[in-house]
Amino acid sequence: MAAGGAGKLTAPASALLARSLPVAGDADVKFAEPWEAKAFAIIVEMSQAGHFSWSDWVDCFSKEVAAADALEAAGVVSKTYYEQWLNAAETLLIEKGITSKAQLQARRFAMGVVGSTHAMK
């Protein structure tokens, strides 16, 4: 319970709980798509659970950002912040032995099949 009495919420707590989730177009939107929020939360949770240190994550993500910046500067490709986040997450999970490249590819294939019209026939 919030400070301010048994079962009563303080004004700041009430305002926080009453706030709806941001939607596209809101000035406070931090995630453009739901998958971005999920990717963020998964990495934070895995670090907190001890699968890797936060400094390991920062190092890996920094390398991904630098590589993406170099590709963009060369006019090759442009990646969004969370595409870079996802690429770094995959790299770190493979490096730590949590998953493999083959497992990630199989998962992508399975997700593609499920999302295709061919899977419905």
PDB file of N, CA and C in Angstrom:
ATOM      1  N   MET A   1       0.838  -1.186   0.000  1.00  0.00           N
ATOM      2  CA  MET A   1       0.000   0.000   0.000  1.00  0.00           C
ATOM      3  C   MET A   1       0.881   1.247   0.000  1.00  0.00           C
ATOM      4  N   ALA A   2       0.348   2.270  -0.500  1.00  0.00           N
ATOM      5  CA  ALA A   2       1.089   3.517  -0.559  1.00  0.00           C
ATOM      6  C   ALA A   2       1.065   4.199   0.792  1.00  0.00           C
ATOM      7  N   ALA A   3       2.088   4.990   1.028  1.00  0.00           N
ATOM      8  CA  ALA A   3       2.117   5.773   2.261  1.00  0.00           C
ATOM      9  C   ALA A   3       0.961   6.752   2.221  1.00  0.00           C
ATOM     10  N   GLY A   4       0.304   6.930   3.317  1.00  0.00           N
ATOM     11  CA  GLY A   4      -0.805   7.869   3.345  1.00  0.00           C
ATOM     12  C   GLY A   4      -2.031   7.260   3.985  1.00  0.00           C
ATOM     13  N   GLY A   5      -1.898   6.059   4.510  1.00  0.00           N
ATOM     14  CA  GLY A   5      -3.027   5.455   5.194  1.00  0.00           C
ATOM     15  C   GLY A   5      -3.276   4.051   4.706  1.00  0.00           C
ATOM     16  N   ALA A   6      -3.934   3.292   5.537  1.00  0.00           N
ATOM     17  CA  ALA A   6      -4.224   1.902   5.213  1.00  0.00           C
ATOM     18  C   ALA A   6      -5.163   1.831   4.023  1.00  0.00           C
ATOM     19  N   GLY A   7      -4.665   1.294   2.932  1.00  0.00           N
ATOM     20  CA  GLY A   7      -5.490   1.087   1.759  1.00  0.00           C
ATOM     21  C   GLY A   7      -5.729   2.320   0.907  1.00  0.00           C
ATOM     22  N   LYS A   8      -5.197   3.451   1.292  1.00  0.00           N
ATOM     23  CA  LYS A   8      -5.398   4.670   0.515  1.00  0.00           C
ATOM     24  C   LYS A   8      -4.142   4.985  -0.279  1.00  0.00           C
ATOM     25  N   LEU A   9      -4.348   5.399  -1.507  1.00  0.00           N
ATOM     26  CA  LEU A   9      -3.226   5.786  -2.352  1.00  0.00           C
ATOM     27  C   LEU A   9      -2.979   7.275  -2.229  1.00  0.00           C
ATOM     28  N   THR A  10      -1.726   7.647  -2.263  1.00  0.00           N
ATOM     29  CA  THR A  10      -1.388   9.065  -2.272  1.00  0.00           C
ATOM     30  C   THR A  10      -1.743   9.628  -3.639  1.00  0.00           C
ATOM     31  N   ALA A  11      -1.840  10.936  -3.746  1.00  0.00           N
ATOM     32  CA  ALA A  11      -2.176  11.570  -5.020  1.00  0.00           C
ATOM     33  C   ALA A  11      -1.199  11.183  -6.128  1.00  0.00           C
ATOM     34  N   PRO A  12       0.134  11.218  -5.883  1.00  0.00           N
ATOM     35  CA  PRO A  12       1.050  10.824  -6.957  1.00  0.00           C
ATOM     36  C   PRO A  12       0.866   9.366  -7.377  1.00  0.00           C
ATOM     37  N   ALA A  13       0.624   8.473  -6.413  1.00  0.00           N
ATOM     38  CA  ALA A  13       0.424   7.062  -6.755  1.00  0.00           C
ATOM     39  C   ALA A  13      -0.854   6.889  -7.558  1.00  0.00           C
ATOM     40  N   SER A  14      -1.920   7.583  -7.181  1.00  0.00           N
ATOM     41  CA  SER A  14      -3.182   7.499  -7.919  1.00  0.00           C
ATOM     42  C   SER A  14      -3.005   7.985  -9.347  1.00  0.00           C
ATOM     43  N   ALA A  15      -2.293   9.079  -9.515  1.00  0.00           N
ATOM     44  CA  ALA A  15      -2.065   9.616 -10.851  1.00  0.00           C
ATOM     45  C   ALA A  15      -1.270   8.635 -11.702  1.00  0.00           C
ATOM     46  N   LEU A  16      -0.289   7.993 -11.094  1.00  0.00           N
ATOM     47  CA  LEU A  16       0.524   7.027 -11.821  1.00  0.00           C
ATOM     48  C   LEU A  16      -0.316   5.837 -12.258  1.00  0.00           C
ATOM     49  N   LEU A  17      -1.142   5.317 -11.353  1.00  0.00           N
ATOM     50  CA  LEU A  17      -1.973   4.162 -11.681  1.00  0.00           C
ATOM     51  C   LEU A  17      -3.070   4.512 -12.679  1.00  0.00           C
ATOM     52  N   ALA A  18      -3.539   5.732 -12.663  1.00  0.00           N
ATOM     53  CA  ALA A  18      -4.616   6.147 -13.558  1.00  0.00           C
ATOM     54  C   ALA A  18      -4.122   6.394 -14.977  1.00  0.00           C
ATOM     55  N   ARG A  19      -2.858   6.610 -15.136  1.00  0.00           N
ATOM     56  CA  ARG A  19      -2.303   6.904 -16.455  1.00  0.00           C
ATOM     57  C   ARG A  19      -2.416   5.690 -17.356  1.00  0.00           C
ATOM     58  N   SER A  20      -2.883   5.900 -18.547  1.00  0.00           N
ATOM     59  CA  SER A  20      -2.999   4.798 -19.495  1.00  0.00           C
ATOM     60  C   SER A  20      -1.657   4.576 -20.182  1.00  0.00           C
ATOM     61  N   LEU A  21      -1.532   3.415 -20.795  1.00  0.00           N
ATOM     62  CA  LEU A  21      -0.313   3.133 -21.542  1.00  0.00           C
ATOM     63  C   LEU A  21      -0.212   4.103 -22.701  1.00  0.00           C
ATOM     64  N   PRO A  22       0.993   4.517 -23.058  1.00  0.00           N
ATOM     65  CA  PRO A  22       1.135   5.444 -24.180  1.00  0.00           C
ATOM     66  C   PRO A  22       0.737   4.769 -25.489  1.00  0.00           C
ATOM     67  N   VAL A  23       0.250   5.560 -26.411  1.00  0.00           N
ATOM     68  CA  VAL A  23      -0.102   5.068 -27.739  1.00  0.00           C
ATOM     69  C   VAL A  23       0.649   5.896 -28.771  1.00  0.00           C
ATOM     70  N   ALA A  24       0.703   5.401 -29.988  1.00  0.00           N
ATOM     71  CA  ALA A  24       1.399   6.114 -31.056  1.00  0.00           C
ATOM     72  C   ALA A  24       0.873   7.542 -31.142  1.00  0.00           C
ATOM     73  N   GLY A  25       1.767   8.472 -31.237  1.00  0.00           N
ATOM     74  CA  GLY A  25       1.407   9.875 -31.316  1.00  0.00           C
ATOM     75  C   GLY A  25       1.540  10.615 -29.999  1.00  0.00           C
ATOM     76  N   ASP A  26       1.559   9.878 -28.873  1.00  0.00           N
ATOM     77  CA  ASP A  26       1.770  10.522 -27.577  1.00  0.00           C
ATOM     78  C   ASP A  26       3.189  11.070 -27.517  1.00  0.00           C
ATOM     79  N   ALA A  27       3.344  12.195 -26.864  1.00  0.00           N
ATOM     80  CA  ALA A  27       4.676  12.788 -26.728  1.00  0.00           C
ATOM     81  C   ALA A  27       5.599  11.918 -25.887  1.00  0.00           C
ATOM     82  N   ASP A  28       5.029  11.107 -24.985  1.00  0.00           N
ATOM     83  CA  ASP A  28       5.833  10.294 -24.072  1.00  0.00           C
ATOM     84  C   ASP A  28       6.121   8.883 -24.579  1.00  0.00           C
ATOM     85  N   VAL A  29       5.733   8.555 -25.797  1.00  0.00           N
ATOM     86  CA  VAL A  29       5.928   7.193 -26.303  1.00  0.00           C
ATOM     87  C   VAL A  29       7.414   6.864 -26.341  1.00  0.00           C
ATOM     88  N   LYS A  30       7.757   5.769 -25.717  1.00  0.00           N
ATOM     89  CA  LYS A  30       9.142   5.320 -25.700  1.00  0.00           C
ATOM     90  C   LYS A  30       9.350   4.155 -26.659  1.00  0.00           C
ATOM     91  N   PHE A  31       8.298   3.412 -26.946  1.00  0.00           N
ATOM     92  CA  PHE A  31       8.374   2.244 -27.810  1.00  0.00           C
ATOM     93  C   PHE A  31       7.395   2.431 -28.963  1.00  0.00           C
ATOM     94  N   ALA A  32       7.885   2.304 -30.177  1.00  0.00           N
ATOM     95  CA  ALA A  32       7.033   2.471 -31.350  1.00  0.00           C
ATOM     96  C   ALA A  32       6.151   1.252 -31.578  1.00  0.00           C
ATOM     97  N   GLU A  33       6.616   0.089 -31.170  1.00  0.00           N
ATOM     98  CA  GLU A  33       5.898  -1.170 -31.374  1.00  0.00           C
ATOM     99  C   GLU A  33       5.966  -1.997 -30.095  1.00  0.00           C
ATOM    100  N   PRO A  34       4.975  -2.856 -29.863  1.00  0.00           N
ATOM    101  CA  PRO A  34       4.998  -3.699 -28.657  1.00  0.00           C
ATOM    102  C   PRO A  34       6.245  -4.574 -28.542  1.00  0.00           C
ATOM    103  N   TRP A  35       6.771  -5.058 -29.655  1.00  0.00           N
ATOM    104  CA  TRP A  35       7.946  -5.931 -29.588  1.00  0.00           C
ATOM    105  C   TRP A  35       9.148  -5.198 -29.011  1.00  0.00           C
ATOM    106  N   GLU A  36       9.211  -3.878 -29.211  1.00  0.00           N
ATOM    107  CA  GLU A  36      10.332  -3.113 -28.668  1.00  0.00           C
ATOM    108  C   GLU A  36      10.302  -3.131 -27.135  1.00  0.00           C
ATOM    109  N   ALA A  37       9.128  -2.951 -26.566  1.00  0.00           N
ATOM    110  CA  ALA A  37       8.992  -3.002 -25.104  1.00  0.00           C
ATOM    111  C   ALA A  37       9.334  -4.391 -24.583  1.00  0.00           C
ATOM    112  N   LYS A  38       8.903  -5.419 -25.302  1.00  0.00           N
ATOM    113  CA  LYS A  38       9.208  -6.795 -24.895  1.00  0.00           C
ATOM    114  C   LYS A  38      10.705  -7.054 -24.950  1.00  0.00           C
ATOM    115  N   ALA A  39      11.352  -6.616 -26.028  1.00  0.00           N
ATOM    116  CA  ALA A  39      12.800  -6.822 -26.166  1.00  0.00           C
ATOM    117  C   ALA A  39      13.545  -6.127 -25.031  1.00  0.00           C
ATOM    118  N   PHE A  40      13.137  -4.917 -24.721  1.00  0.00           N
ATOM    119  CA  PHE A  40      13.749  -4.174 -23.623  1.00  0.00           C
ATOM    120  C   PHE A  40      13.577  -4.922 -22.306  1.00  0.00           C
ATOM    121  N   ALA A  41      12.345  -5.325 -22.016  1.00  0.00           N
ATOM    122  CA  ALA A  41      12.047  -5.992 -20.743  1.00  0.00           C
ATOM    123  C   ALA A  41      12.776  -7.322 -20.605  1.00  0.00           C
ATOM    124  N   ILE A  42      12.875  -8.068 -21.682  1.00  0.00           N
ATOM    125  CA  ILE A  42      13.556  -9.366 -21.632  1.00  0.00           C
ATOM    126  C   ILE A  42      15.019  -9.193 -21.257  1.00  0.00           C
ATOM    127  N   ILE A  43      15.693  -8.230 -21.864  1.00  0.00           N
ATOM    128  CA  ILE A  43      17.112  -8.017 -21.567  1.00  0.00           C
ATOM    129  C   ILE A  43      17.303  -7.561 -20.123  1.00  0.00           C
ATOM    130  N   VAL A  44      16.476  -6.642 -19.665  1.00  0.00           N
ATOM    131  CA  VAL A  44      16.581  -6.183 -18.276  1.00  0.00           C
ATOM    132  C   VAL A  44      16.362  -7.353 -17.324  1.00  0.00           C
ATOM    133  N   GLU A  45      15.329  -8.137 -17.561  1.00  0.00           N
ATOM    134  CA  GLU A  45      15.011  -9.270 -16.681  1.00  0.00           C
ATOM    135  C   GLU A  45      16.117 -10.326 -16.702  1.00  0.00           C
ATOM    136  N   MET A  46      16.655 -10.624 -17.870  1.00  0.00           N
ATOM    137  CA  MET A  46      17.719 -11.632 -17.950  1.00  0.00           C
ATOM    138  C   MET A  46      18.975 -11.165 -17.222  1.00  0.00           C
ATOM    139  N   SER A  47      19.272  -9.877 -17.304  1.00  0.00           N
ATOM    140  CA  SER A  47      20.420  -9.344 -16.574  1.00  0.00           C
ATOM    141  C   SER A  47      20.168  -9.421 -15.071  1.00  0.00           C
ATOM    142  N   GLN A  48      18.977  -9.017 -14.649  1.00  0.00           N
ATOM    143  CA  GLN A  48      18.642  -9.067 -13.223  1.00  0.00           C
ATOM    144  C   GLN A  48      18.644 -10.501 -12.696  1.00  0.00           C
ATOM    145  N   ALA A  49      18.320 -11.468 -13.556  1.00  0.00           N
ATOM    146  CA  ALA A  49      18.299 -12.877 -13.150  1.00  0.00           C
ATOM    147  C   ALA A  49      19.696 -13.494 -13.144  1.00  0.00           C
ATOM    148  N   GLY A  50      20.702 -12.730 -13.585  1.00  0.00           N
ATOM    149  CA  GLY A  50      22.078 -13.196 -13.515  1.00  0.00           C
ATOM    150  C   GLY A  50      22.583 -13.957 -14.728  1.00  0.00           C
ATOM    151  N   HIS A  51      21.853 -13.906 -15.837  1.00  0.00           N
ATOM    152  CA  HIS A  51      22.310 -14.594 -17.045  1.00  0.00           C
ATOM    153  C   HIS A  51      23.516 -13.895 -17.670  1.00  0.00           C
ATOM    154  N   PHE A  52      23.618 -12.594 -17.426  1.00  0.00           N
ATOM    155  CA  PHE A  52      24.773 -11.804 -17.848  1.00  0.00           C
ATOM    156  C   PHE A  52      24.755 -10.513 -17.045  1.00  0.00           C
ATOM    157  N   SER A  53      25.907  -9.876 -16.958  1.00  0.00           N
ATOM    158  CA  SER A  53      25.976  -8.614 -16.210  1.00  0.00           C
ATOM    159  C   SER A  53      25.490  -7.468 -17.092  1.00  0.00           C
ATOM    160  N   TRP A  54      25.080  -6.395 -16.445  1.00  0.00           N
ATOM    161  CA  TRP A  54      24.651  -5.233 -17.212  1.00  0.00           C
ATOM    162  C   TRP A  54      25.823  -4.659 -18.006  1.00  0.00           C
ATOM    163  N   SER A  55      27.025  -4.727 -17.465  1.00  0.00           N
ATOM    164  CA  SER A  55      28.188  -4.221 -18.212  1.00  0.00           C
ATOM    165  C   SER A  55      28.438  -5.079 -19.454  1.00  0.00           C
ATOM    166  N   ASP A  56      28.174  -6.401 -19.376  1.00  0.00           N
ATOM    167  CA  ASP A  56      28.264  -7.245 -20.580  1.00  0.00           C
ATOM    168  C   ASP A  56      27.289  -6.742 -21.635  1.00  0.00           C
ATOM    169  N   TRP A  57      26.068  -6.422 -21.183  1.00  0.00           N
ATOM    170  CA  TRP A  57      25.055  -5.931 -22.118  1.00  0.00           C
ATOM    171  C   TRP A  57      25.483  -4.603 -22.738  1.00  0.00           C
ATOM    172  N   VAL A  58      25.949  -3.687 -21.914  1.00  0.00           N
ATOM    173  CA  VAL A  58      26.361  -2.370 -22.410  1.00  0.00           C
ATOM    174  C   VAL A  58      27.480  -2.514 -23.437  1.00  0.00           C
ATOM    175  N   ASP A  59      28.455  -3.371 -23.157  1.00  0.00           N
ATOM    176  CA  ASP A  59      29.551  -3.594 -24.107  1.00  0.00           C
ATOM    177  C   ASP A  59      29.029  -4.135 -25.435  1.00  0.00           C
ATOM    178  N   CYS A  60      28.170  -5.129 -25.364  1.00  0.00           N
ATOM    179  CA  CYS A  60      27.632  -5.748 -26.573  1.00  0.00           C
ATOM    180  C   CYS A  60      26.772  -4.759 -27.360  1.00  0.00           C
ATOM    181  N   PHE A  61      25.904  -4.046 -26.674  1.00  0.00           N
ATOM    182  CA  PHE A  61      25.034  -3.087 -27.333  1.00  0.00           C
ATOM    183  C   PHE A  61      25.837  -1.941 -27.939  1.00  0.00           C
ATOM    184  N   SER A  62      26.866  -1.487 -27.247  1.00  0.00           N
ATOM    185  CA  SER A  62      27.721  -0.412 -27.770  1.00  0.00           C
ATOM    186  C   SER A  62      28.384  -0.823 -29.076  1.00  0.00           C
ATOM    187  N   LYS A  63      28.845  -2.063 -29.140  1.00  0.00           N
ATOM    188  CA  LYS A  63      29.454  -2.570 -30.378  1.00  0.00           C
ATOM    189  C   LYS A  63      28.433  -2.617 -31.505  1.00  0.00           C
ATOM    190  N   GLU A  64      27.226  -3.039 -31.196  1.00  0.00           N
ATOM    191  CA  GLU A  64      26.163  -3.097 -32.208  1.00  0.00           C
ATOM    192  C   GLU A  64      25.828  -1.706 -32.726  1.00  0.00           C
ATOM    193  N   VAL A  65      25.728  -0.739 -31.831  1.00  0.00           N
ATOM    194  CA  VAL A  65      25.422   0.632 -32.235  1.00  0.00           C
ATOM    195  C   VAL A  65      26.539   1.180 -33.125  1.00  0.00           C
ATOM    196  N   ALA A  66      27.786   0.938 -32.746  1.00  0.00           N
ATOM    197  CA  ALA A  66      28.917   1.408 -33.556  1.00  0.00           C
ATOM    198  C   ALA A  66      28.896   0.764 -34.938  1.00  0.00           C
ATOM    199  N   ALA A  67      28.622  -0.537 -34.992  1.00  0.00           N
ATOM    200  CA  ALA A  67      28.567  -1.236 -36.283  1.00  0.00           C
ATOM    201  C   ALA A  67      27.417  -0.704 -37.137  1.00  0.00           C
ATOM    202  N   ALA A  68      26.270  -0.477 -36.520  1.00  0.00           N
ATOM    203  CA  ALA A  68      25.116   0.051 -37.249  1.00  0.00           C
ATOM    204  C   ALA A  68      25.388   1.465 -37.750  1.00  0.00           C
ATOM    205  N   ASP A  69      26.051   2.276 -36.934  1.00  0.00           N
ATOM    206  CA  ASP A  69      26.411   3.635 -37.355  1.00  0.00           C
ATOM    207  C   ASP A  69      27.346   3.606 -38.552  1.00  0.00           C
ATOM    208  N   ALA A  70      28.309   2.683 -38.539  1.00  0.00           N
ATOM    209  CA  ALA A  70      29.254   2.564 -39.654  1.00  0.00           C
ATOM    210  C   ALA A  70      28.531   2.150 -40.932  1.00  0.00           C
ATOM    211  N   LEU A  71      27.602   1.200 -40.828  1.00  0.00           N
ATOM    212  CA  LEU A  71      26.836   0.770 -42.004  1.00  0.00           C
ATOM    213  C   LEU A  71      25.965   1.899 -42.541  1.00  0.00           C
ATOM    214  N   GLU A  72      25.356   2.644 -41.639  1.00  0.00           N
ATOM    215  CA  GLU A  72      24.514   3.761 -42.060  1.00  0.00           C
ATOM    216  C   GLU A  72      25.351   4.848 -42.733  1.00  0.00           C
ATOM    217  N   ALA A  73      26.524   5.134 -42.173  1.00  0.00           N
ATOM    218  CA  ALA A  73      27.412   6.143 -42.760  1.00  0.00           C
ATOM    219  C   ALA A  73      27.871   5.731 -44.153  1.00  0.00           C
ATOM    220  N   ALA A  74      28.018   4.420 -44.360  1.00  0.00           N
ATOM    221  CA  ALA A  74      28.434   3.910 -45.667  1.00  0.00           C
ATOM    222  C   ALA A  74      27.257   3.815 -46.637  1.00  0.00           C
ATOM    223  N   GLY A  75      26.073   4.138 -46.154  1.00  0.00           N
ATOM    224  CA  GLY A  75      24.893   4.097 -47.002  1.00  0.00           C
ATOM    225  C   GLY A  75      24.375   2.690 -47.258  1.00  0.00           C
ATOM    226  N   VAL A  76      24.823   1.735 -46.449  1.00  0.00           N
ATOM    227  CA  VAL A  76      24.444   0.338 -46.662  1.00  0.00           C
ATOM    228  C   VAL A  76      23.054   0.058 -46.111  1.00  0.00           C
ATOM    229  N   VAL A  77      22.849   0.358 -44.856  1.00  0.00           N
ATOM    230  CA  VAL A  77      21.577   0.041 -44.206  1.00  0.00           C
ATOM    231  C   VAL A  77      21.385   0.959 -43.007  1.00  0.00           C
ATOM    232  N   SER A  78      20.145   1.180 -42.661  1.00  0.00           N
ATOM    233  CA  SER A  78      19.830   1.970 -41.475  1.00  0.00           C
ATOM    234  C   SER A  78      18.960   1.115 -40.563  1.00  0.00           C
ATOM    235  N   LYS A  79      19.335   1.020 -39.295  1.00  0.00           N
ATOM    236  CA  LYS A  79      18.577   0.229 -38.330  1.00  0.00           C
ATOM    237  C   LYS A  79      18.023   1.144 -37.251  1.00  0.00           C
ATOM    238  N   THR A  80      16.823   0.830 -36.808  1.00  0.00           N
ATOM    239  CA  THR A  80      16.247   1.586 -35.700  1.00  0.00           C
ATOM    240  C   THR A  80      16.980   1.206 -34.416  1.00  0.00           C
ATOM    241  N   TYR A  81      16.764   2.004 -33.389  1.00  0.00           N
ATOM    242  CA  TYR A  81      17.386   1.756 -32.087  1.00  0.00           C
ATOM    243  C   TYR A  81      17.068   0.350 -31.590  1.00  0.00           C
ATOM    244  N   TYR A  82      15.805  -0.056 -31.692  1.00  0.00           N
ATOM    245  CA  TYR A  82      15.434  -1.361 -31.153  1.00  0.00           C
ATOM    246  C   TYR A  82      15.781  -2.513 -32.089  1.00  0.00           C
ATOM    247  N   GLU A  83      15.994  -2.251 -33.355  1.00  0.00           N
ATOM    248  CA  GLU A  83      16.578  -3.285 -34.220  1.00  0.00           C
ATOM    249  C   GLU A  83      18.021  -3.538 -33.777  1.00  0.00           C
ATOM    250  N   GLN A  84      18.723  -2.471 -33.421  1.00  0.00           N
ATOM    251  CA  GLN A  84      20.076  -2.618 -32.885  1.00  0.00           C
ATOM    252  C   GLN A  84      20.031  -3.355 -31.549  1.00  0.00           C
ATOM    253  N   TRP A  85      19.059  -3.038 -30.721  1.00  0.00           N
ATOM    254  CA  TRP A  85      18.880  -3.680 -29.415  1.00  0.00           C
ATOM    255  C   TRP A  85      18.684  -5.180 -29.608  1.00  0.00           C
ATOM    256  N   LEU A  86      17.802  -5.540 -30.546  1.00  0.00           N
ATOM    257  CA  LEU A  86      17.509  -6.949 -30.805  1.00  0.00           C
ATOM    258  C   LEU A  86      18.736  -7.680 -31.340  1.00  0.00           C
ATOM    259  N   ASN A  87      19.461  -7.065 -32.261  1.00  0.00           N
ATOM    260  CA  ASN A  87      20.681  -7.693 -32.784  1.00  0.00           C
ATOM    261  C   ASN A  87      21.703  -7.917 -31.679  1.00  0.00           C
ATOM    262  N   ALA A  88      21.871  -6.931 -30.820  1.00  0.00           N
ATOM    263  CA  ALA A  88      22.814  -7.075 -29.704  1.00  0.00           C
ATOM    264  C   ALA A  88      22.344  -8.164 -28.746  1.00  0.00           C
ATOM    265  N   ALA A  89      21.046  -8.232 -28.500  1.00  0.00           N
ATOM    266  CA  ALA A  89      20.504  -9.267 -27.611  1.00  0.00           C
ATOM    267  C   ALA A  89      20.804 -10.650 -28.165  1.00  0.00           C
ATOM    268  N   GLU A  90      20.573 -10.845 -29.449  1.00  0.00           N
ATOM    269  CA  GLU A  90      20.849 -12.141 -30.062  1.00  0.00           C
ATOM    270  C   GLU A  90      22.329 -12.482 -29.959  1.00  0.00           C
ATOM    271  N   THR A  91      23.182 -11.520 -30.234  1.00  0.00           N
ATOM    272  CA  THR A  91      24.628 -11.741 -30.143  1.00  0.00           C
ATOM    273  C   THR A  91      25.029 -12.153 -28.733  1.00  0.00           C
ATOM    274  N   LEU A  92      24.553 -11.426 -27.735  1.00  0.00           N
ATOM    275  CA  LEU A  92      24.922 -11.714 -26.351  1.00  0.00           C
ATOM    276  C   LEU A  92      24.385 -13.073 -25.899  1.00  0.00           C
ATOM    277  N   LEU A  93      23.159 -13.394 -26.260  1.00  0.00           N
ATOM    278  CA  LEU A  93      22.581 -14.681 -25.865  1.00  0.00           C
ATOM    279  C   LEU A  93      23.336 -15.848 -26.493  1.00  0.00           C
ATOM    280  N   ILE A  94      23.822 -15.665 -27.704  1.00  0.00           N
ATOM    281  CA  ILE A  94      24.645 -16.697 -28.349  1.00  0.00           C
ATOM    282  C   ILE A  94      25.997 -16.790 -27.653  1.00  0.00           C
ATOM    283  N   GLU A  95      26.637 -15.633 -27.407  1.00  0.00           N
ATOM    284  CA  GLU A  95      27.947 -15.623 -26.737  1.00  0.00           C
ATOM    285  C   GLU A  95      27.897 -16.283 -25.364  1.00  0.00           C
ATOM    286  N   LYS A  96      26.800 -16.100 -24.642  1.00  0.00           N
ATOM    287  CA  LYS A  96      26.665 -16.658 -23.293  1.00  0.00           C
ATOM    288  C   LYS A  96      26.171 -18.106 -23.307  1.00  0.00           C
ATOM    289  N   GLY A  97      25.916 -18.658 -24.491  1.00  0.00           N
ATOM    290  CA  GLY A  97      25.462 -20.043 -24.596  1.00  0.00           C
ATOM    291  C   GLY A  97      24.014 -20.248 -24.184  1.00  0.00           C
ATOM    292  N   ILE A  98      23.247 -19.192 -24.136  1.00  0.00           N
ATOM    293  CA  ILE A  98      21.840 -19.277 -23.743  1.00  0.00           C
ATOM    294  C   ILE A  98      20.997 -19.804 -24.903  1.00  0.00           C
ATOM    295  N   THR A  99      21.404 -19.476 -26.106  1.00  0.00           N
ATOM    296  CA  THR A  99      20.762 -19.976 -27.315  1.00  0.00           C
ATOM    297  C   THR A  99      21.836 -20.119 -28.381  1.00  0.00           C
ATOM    298  N   SER A 100      21.446 -20.609 -29.534  1.00  0.00           N
ATOM    299  CA  SER A 100      22.392 -20.743 -30.643  1.00  0.00           C
ATOM    300  C   SER A 100      21.824 -20.042 -31.870  1.00  0.00           C
ATOM    301  N   LYS A 101      22.692 -19.800 -32.824  1.00  0.00           N
ATOM    302  CA  LYS A 101      22.252 -19.179 -34.068  1.00  0.00           C
ATOM    303  C   LYS A 101      21.210 -20.064 -34.753  1.00  0.00           C
ATOM    304  N   ALA A 102      21.441 -21.382 -34.726  1.00  0.00           N
ATOM    305  CA  ALA A 102      20.496 -22.321 -35.342  1.00  0.00           C
ATOM    306  C   ALA A 102      19.130 -22.259 -34.661  1.00  0.00           C
ATOM    307  N   GLN A 103      19.112 -22.145 -33.333  1.00  0.00           N
ATOM    308  CA  GLN A 103      17.837 -22.048 -32.610  1.00  0.00           C
ATOM    309  C   GLN A 103      17.101 -20.759 -32.969  1.00  0.00           C
ATOM    310  N   LEU A 104      17.837 -19.671 -33.096  1.00  0.00           N
ATOM    311  CA  LEU A 104      17.211 -18.403 -33.472  1.00  0.00           C
ATOM    312  C   LEU A 104      16.648 -18.475 -34.887  1.00  0.00           C
ATOM    313  N   GLN A 105      17.403 -19.085 -35.808  1.00  0.00           N
ATOM    314  CA  GLN A 105      16.929 -19.218 -37.183  1.00  0.00           C
ATOM    315  C   GLN A 105      15.689 -20.103 -37.250  1.00  0.00           C
ATOM    316  N   ALA A 106      15.681 -21.193 -36.483  1.00  0.00           N
ATOM    317  CA  ALA A 106      14.515 -22.083 -36.456  1.00  0.00           C
ATOM    318  C   ALA A 106      13.298 -21.345 -35.907  1.00  0.00           C
ATOM    319  N   ARG A 107      13.511 -20.531 -34.907  1.00  0.00           N
ATOM    320  CA  ARG A 107      12.413 -19.758 -34.320  1.00  0.00           C
ATOM    321  C   ARG A 107      11.867 -18.750 -35.329  1.00  0.00           C
ATOM    322  N   ARG A 108      12.756 -18.068 -36.035  1.00  0.00           N
ATOM    323  CA  ARG A 108      12.314 -17.114 -37.063  1.00  0.00           C
ATOM    324  C   ARG A 108      11.505 -17.827 -38.142  1.00  0.00           C
ATOM    325  N   PHE A 109      11.989 -18.999 -38.560  1.00  0.00           N
ATOM    326  CA  PHE A 109      11.293 -19.770 -39.586  1.00  0.00           C
ATOM    327  C   PHE A 109       9.901 -20.159 -39.092  1.00  0.00           C
ATOM    328  N   ALA A 110       9.828 -20.678 -37.870  1.00  0.00           N
ATOM    329  CA  ALA A 110       8.541 -21.099 -37.312  1.00  0.00           C
ATOM    330  C   ALA A 110       7.575 -19.924 -37.204  1.00  0.00           C
ATOM    331  N   MET A 111       8.069 -18.780 -36.789  1.00  0.00           N
ATOM    332  CA  MET A 111       7.216 -17.597 -36.670  1.00  0.00           C
ATOM    333  C   MET A 111       6.747 -17.138 -38.043  1.00  0.00           C
ATOM    334  N   GLY A 112       7.613 -17.244 -39.041  1.00  0.00           N
ATOM    335  CA  GLY A 112       7.242 -16.871 -40.401  1.00  0.00           C
ATOM    336  C   GLY A 112       6.179 -17.790 -40.969  1.00  0.00           C
ATOM    337  N   VAL A 113       6.304 -19.081 -40.691  1.00  0.00           N
ATOM    338  CA  VAL A 113       5.321 -20.046 -41.179  1.00  0.00           C
ATOM    339  C   VAL A 113       3.972 -19.798 -40.520  1.00  0.00           C
ATOM    340  N   VAL A 114       3.966 -19.597 -39.225  1.00  0.00           N
ATOM    341  CA  VAL A 114       2.714 -19.359 -38.503  1.00  0.00           C
ATOM    342  C   VAL A 114       2.032 -18.103 -39.025  1.00  0.00           C
ATOM    343  N   GLY A 115       2.809 -17.101 -39.365  1.00  0.00           N
ATOM    344  CA  GLY A 115       2.239 -15.841 -39.829  1.00  0.00           C
ATOM    345  C   GLY A 115       1.894 -15.810 -41.310  1.00  0.00           C
ATOM    346  N   SER A 116       2.175 -16.892 -42.024  1.00  0.00           N
ATOM    347  CA  SER A 116       1.928 -16.889 -43.464  1.00  0.00           C
ATOM    348  C   SER A 116       0.561 -17.470 -43.799  1.00  0.00           C
ATOM    349  N   THR A 117       0.069 -17.143 -44.967  1.00  0.00           N
ATOM    350  CA  THR A 117      -1.204 -17.708 -45.420  1.00  0.00           C
ATOM    351  C   THR A 117      -1.039 -19.181 -45.774  1.00  0.00           C
ATOM    352  N   HIS A 118       0.173 -19.609 -46.101  1.00  0.00           N
ATOM    353  CA  HIS A 118       0.413 -21.012 -46.444  1.00  0.00           C
ATOM    354  C   HIS A 118       0.170 -21.926 -45.252  1.00  0.00           C
ATOM    355  N   ALA A 119       0.425 -21.449 -44.060  1.00  0.00           N
ATOM    356  CA  ALA A 119       0.250 -22.276 -42.862  1.00  0.00           C
ATOM    357  C   ALA A 119      -1.222 -22.542 -42.571  1.00  0.00           C
ATOM    358  N   MET A 120      -2.093 -21.741 -43.147  1.00  0.00           N
ATOM    359  CA  MET A 120      -3.522 -21.882 -42.868  1.00  0.00           C
ATOM    360  C   MET A 120      -4.206 -22.860 -43.809  1.00  0.00           C
ATOM    361  N   LYS A 121      -3.528 -23.337 -44.826  1.00  0.00           N
ATOM    362  CA  LYS A 121      -4.146 -24.243 -45.807  1.00  0.00           C
ATOM    363  C   LYS A 121      -3.964 -25.678 -45.432  1.00  0.00           C
TER     364      LYS A 121
END
